Protein backbone atom coordinates (compact mmCIF):
# COMPACT_ATOMS: atom_id res chain seq x y z
CA MET A 1 118.98 124.56 171.33
CA LYS A 2 115.75 122.60 171.22
CA THR A 3 117.50 119.23 170.74
CA LEU A 4 119.89 119.52 173.72
CA PRO A 5 117.29 119.55 176.53
CA GLU A 6 115.54 116.57 174.95
CA GLU A 7 118.82 114.61 174.81
CA ALA A 8 119.72 115.62 178.38
CA GLY A 9 116.36 114.46 179.78
CA LEU A 10 114.82 117.83 180.59
CA LYS A 11 112.13 117.41 183.23
CA PRO A 12 108.71 118.86 182.34
CA GLU A 13 108.67 120.96 185.53
CA ALA A 14 112.00 122.68 184.68
CA LYS A 15 111.63 126.45 184.30
CA TRP A 16 115.20 127.86 184.09
CA VAL A 17 118.67 126.95 182.77
CA ILE A 18 122.09 128.26 183.76
CA ALA A 19 124.27 129.44 180.86
CA GLU A 20 127.98 129.73 181.61
CA GLY A 21 130.73 131.06 179.34
CA ALA A 22 134.20 129.53 179.20
CA ASP A 23 136.00 132.83 178.63
CA GLY A 24 138.03 134.77 181.19
CA ALA A 25 134.98 136.68 182.45
CA ALA A 26 133.29 133.38 183.43
CA MET A 27 129.86 134.97 183.08
CA THR A 28 126.88 132.98 184.31
CA ARG A 29 123.26 133.80 183.50
CA SER A 30 119.89 132.28 184.38
CA ILE A 31 117.60 132.03 181.36
CA PRO A 32 113.95 130.89 181.25
CA ILE A 33 113.54 127.54 179.44
CA GLU A 34 110.87 129.02 177.18
CA LYS A 35 113.29 131.67 175.88
CA CYS A 36 116.04 129.08 175.33
CA LEU A 37 113.78 126.83 173.32
CA ASP A 38 112.63 129.80 171.25
CA ASP A 39 115.77 131.75 170.34
CA VAL A 40 119.05 130.38 171.76
CA MET A 41 121.78 129.16 169.45
CA VAL A 42 124.53 126.84 170.75
CA VAL A 43 127.80 127.16 168.82
CA TYR A 44 130.86 124.93 169.19
CA SER A 45 132.81 125.81 166.04
CA GLN A 46 133.35 128.67 163.63
CA ASN A 47 135.01 128.71 160.21
CA GLY A 48 135.83 125.01 160.48
CA GLU A 49 137.58 125.14 163.85
CA ARG A 50 136.53 124.82 167.48
CA LEU A 51 135.62 128.07 169.25
CA ARG A 52 138.48 129.67 171.15
CA LEU A 53 138.14 130.33 174.87
CA GLU A 54 138.24 134.07 174.13
CA GLN A 55 134.94 133.68 172.28
CA GLY A 56 133.15 132.33 175.32
């Protein structure tokens, strides 16, 4: 995930991000920026096709 904040213009004073799933549960979580930059993986496809809504 390290590339995304750089491309989006992450401000140096930012401390948290909001992660939101696209599945039916519509879960939303606040995550510290430091944790995101360390061990978050952003996935948009699997096995050669776009992720389904059921997968979040």
